[in-house]
Amino acid sequence: MSEDVIVPFPRRRRSPDVTPEMAAKIKFLLDLGMTQHDIAAHFKINQGRVSEVNTGMKFPGISSSQLDLF
């Protein structure tokens, strides 16, 4: 009889916190028409973080910025 091997699930990765500088760049990229998915991939963050910036839930007073984009 073979023993059942229990394989643990990997820990969930947390999306890094969005900084005010990142939020300004995210808003600029959204203004250019870039998709939330592509922006999230560029910053290596969860797409939900981009959505929070886009809808104004996070950083509503930050304006878009194009300085040091990449």
C-alpha atoms as a PDB file:
ATOM      1  CA  MET A   1       0.000   0.000   0.000  1.00  0.00           C
ATOM      2  CA  SER A   2       1.372   3.462  -0.861  1.00  0.00           C
ATOM      3  CA  GLU A   3       1.345   6.302   1.593  1.00  0.00           C
ATOM      4  CA  ASP A   4      -0.605   9.433   0.746  1.00  0.00           C
ATOM      5  CA  VAL A   5       1.737  12.363   0.478  1.00  0.00           C
ATOM      6  CA  ILE A   6       0.301  15.675   1.597  1.00  0.00           C
ATOM      7  CA  VAL A   7       1.538  18.501  -0.568  1.00  0.00           C
ATOM      8  CA  PRO A   8       1.065  21.907   1.062  1.00  0.00           C
ATOM      9  CA  PHE A   9      -0.382  24.730  -0.988  1.00  0.00           C
ATOM     10  CA  PRO A  10       2.030  27.558  -1.662  1.00  0.00           C
ATOM     11  CA  ARG A  11       1.496  30.699   0.371  1.00  0.00           C
ATOM     12  CA  ARG A  12      -0.500  33.399  -1.324  1.00  0.00           C
ATOM     13  CA  ARG A  13       1.554  36.282  -2.587  1.00  0.00           C
ATOM     14  CA  ARG A  14       0.474  39.751  -1.535  1.00  0.00           C
ATOM     15  CA  SER A  15       0.397  42.507  -4.064  1.00  0.00           C
ATOM     16  CA  PRO A  16       2.845  45.290  -3.109  1.00  0.00           C
ATOM     17  CA  ASP A  17       1.333  48.503  -1.797  1.00  0.00           C
ATOM     18  CA  VAL A  18       0.792  51.227  -4.373  1.00  0.00           C
ATOM     19  CA  THR A  19       2.778  54.378  -3.621  1.00  0.00           C
ATOM     20  CA  PRO A  20       1.618  57.897  -4.559  1.00  0.00           C
ATOM     21  CA  GLU A  21       4.294  57.962  -7.286  1.00  0.00           C
ATOM     22  CA  MET A  22       3.018  54.665  -8.701  1.00  0.00           C
ATOM     23  CA  ALA A  23      -0.558  55.980  -8.582  1.00  0.00           C
ATOM     24  CA  ALA A  24       0.411  59.038 -10.632  1.00  0.00           C
ATOM     25  CA  LYS A  25       2.085  56.835 -13.244  1.00  0.00           C
ATOM     26  CA  ILE A  26      -0.886  54.439 -13.264  1.00  0.00           C
ATOM     27  CA  LYS A  27      -3.261  57.340 -13.893  1.00  0.00           C
ATOM     28  CA  PHE A  28      -1.060  58.558 -16.742  1.00  0.00           C
ATOM     29  CA  LEU A  29      -1.017  55.122 -18.371  1.00  0.00           C
ATOM     30  CA  LEU A  30      -4.797  54.854 -17.974  1.00  0.00           C
ATOM     31  CA  ASP A  31      -5.122  58.263 -19.685  1.00  0.00           C
ATOM     32  CA  LEU A  32      -3.055  56.885 -22.573  1.00  0.00           C
ATOM     33  CA  GLY A  33      -5.561  54.046 -22.952  1.00  0.00           C
ATOM     34  CA  MET A  34      -3.440  51.228 -21.581  1.00  0.00           C
ATOM     35  CA  THR A  35      -5.464  48.368 -20.091  1.00  0.00           C
ATOM     36  CA  GLN A  36      -5.567  47.754 -16.358  1.00  0.00           C
ATOM     37  CA  HIS A  37      -4.236  44.261 -16.974  1.00  0.00           C
ATOM     38  CA  ASP A  38      -1.148  45.549 -18.796  1.00  0.00           C
ATOM     39  CA  ILE A  39      -0.513  48.256 -16.196  1.00  0.00           C
ATOM     40  CA  ALA A  40      -0.720  45.695 -13.400  1.00  0.00           C
ATOM     41  CA  ALA A  41       1.761  43.464 -15.212  1.00  0.00           C
ATOM     42  CA  HIS A  42       4.161  46.386 -15.717  1.00  0.00           C
ATOM     43  CA  PHE A  43       4.181  47.276 -12.010  1.00  0.00           C
ATOM     44  CA  LYS A  44       3.965  43.623 -10.888  1.00  0.00           C
ATOM     45  CA  ILE A  45       0.854  44.341  -8.831  1.00  0.00           C
ATOM     46  CA  ASN A  46      -2.630  42.916  -8.650  1.00  0.00           C
ATOM     47  CA  GLN A  47      -5.109  44.289 -11.202  1.00  0.00           C
ATOM     48  CA  GLY A  48      -7.372  45.213  -8.291  1.00  0.00           C
ATOM     49  CA  ARG A  49      -4.809  47.769  -7.123  1.00  0.00           C
ATOM     50  CA  VAL A  50      -4.957  49.438 -10.548  1.00  0.00           C
ATOM     51  CA  SER A  51      -8.754  49.420 -10.390  1.00  0.00           C
ATOM     52  CA  GLU A  52      -8.687  51.096  -6.962  1.00  0.00           C
ATOM     53  CA  VAL A  53      -6.573  53.910  -8.380  1.00  0.00           C
ATOM     54  CA  ASN A  54      -8.732  54.129 -11.508  1.00  0.00           C
ATOM     55  CA  THR A  55     -12.022  54.434  -9.615  1.00  0.00           C
ATOM     56  CA  GLY A  56     -10.634  56.891  -7.061  1.00  0.00           C
ATOM     57  CA  MET A  57     -10.897  54.574  -4.077  1.00  0.00           C
ATOM     58  CA  LYS A  58      -7.164  55.080  -3.526  1.00  0.00           C
ATOM     59  CA  PHE A  59      -5.216  58.297  -4.167  1.00  0.00           C
ATOM     60  CA  PRO A  60      -8.142  60.435  -5.403  1.00  0.00           C
ATOM     61  CA  GLY A  61      -6.135  63.668  -5.043  1.00  0.00           C
ATOM     62  CA  ILE A  62      -3.114  62.501  -7.049  1.00  0.00           C
ATOM     63  CA  SER A  63      -2.850  63.790 -10.632  1.00  0.00           C
ATOM     64  CA  SER A  64      -1.321  61.811 -13.498  1.00  0.00           C
ATOM     65  CA  SER A  65       2.402  62.124 -14.107  1.00  0.00           C
ATOM     66  CA  GLN A  66       4.632  61.086 -16.983  1.00  0.00           C
ATOM     67  CA  LEU A  67       7.992  61.629 -15.278  1.00  0.00           C
ATOM     68  CA  ASP A  68      10.305  58.607 -15.156  1.00  0.00           C
ATOM     69  CA  LEU A  69       7.627  56.314 -16.533  1.00  0.00           C
ATOM     70  CA  PHE A  70       9.893  53.380 -17.279  1.00  0.00           C
END
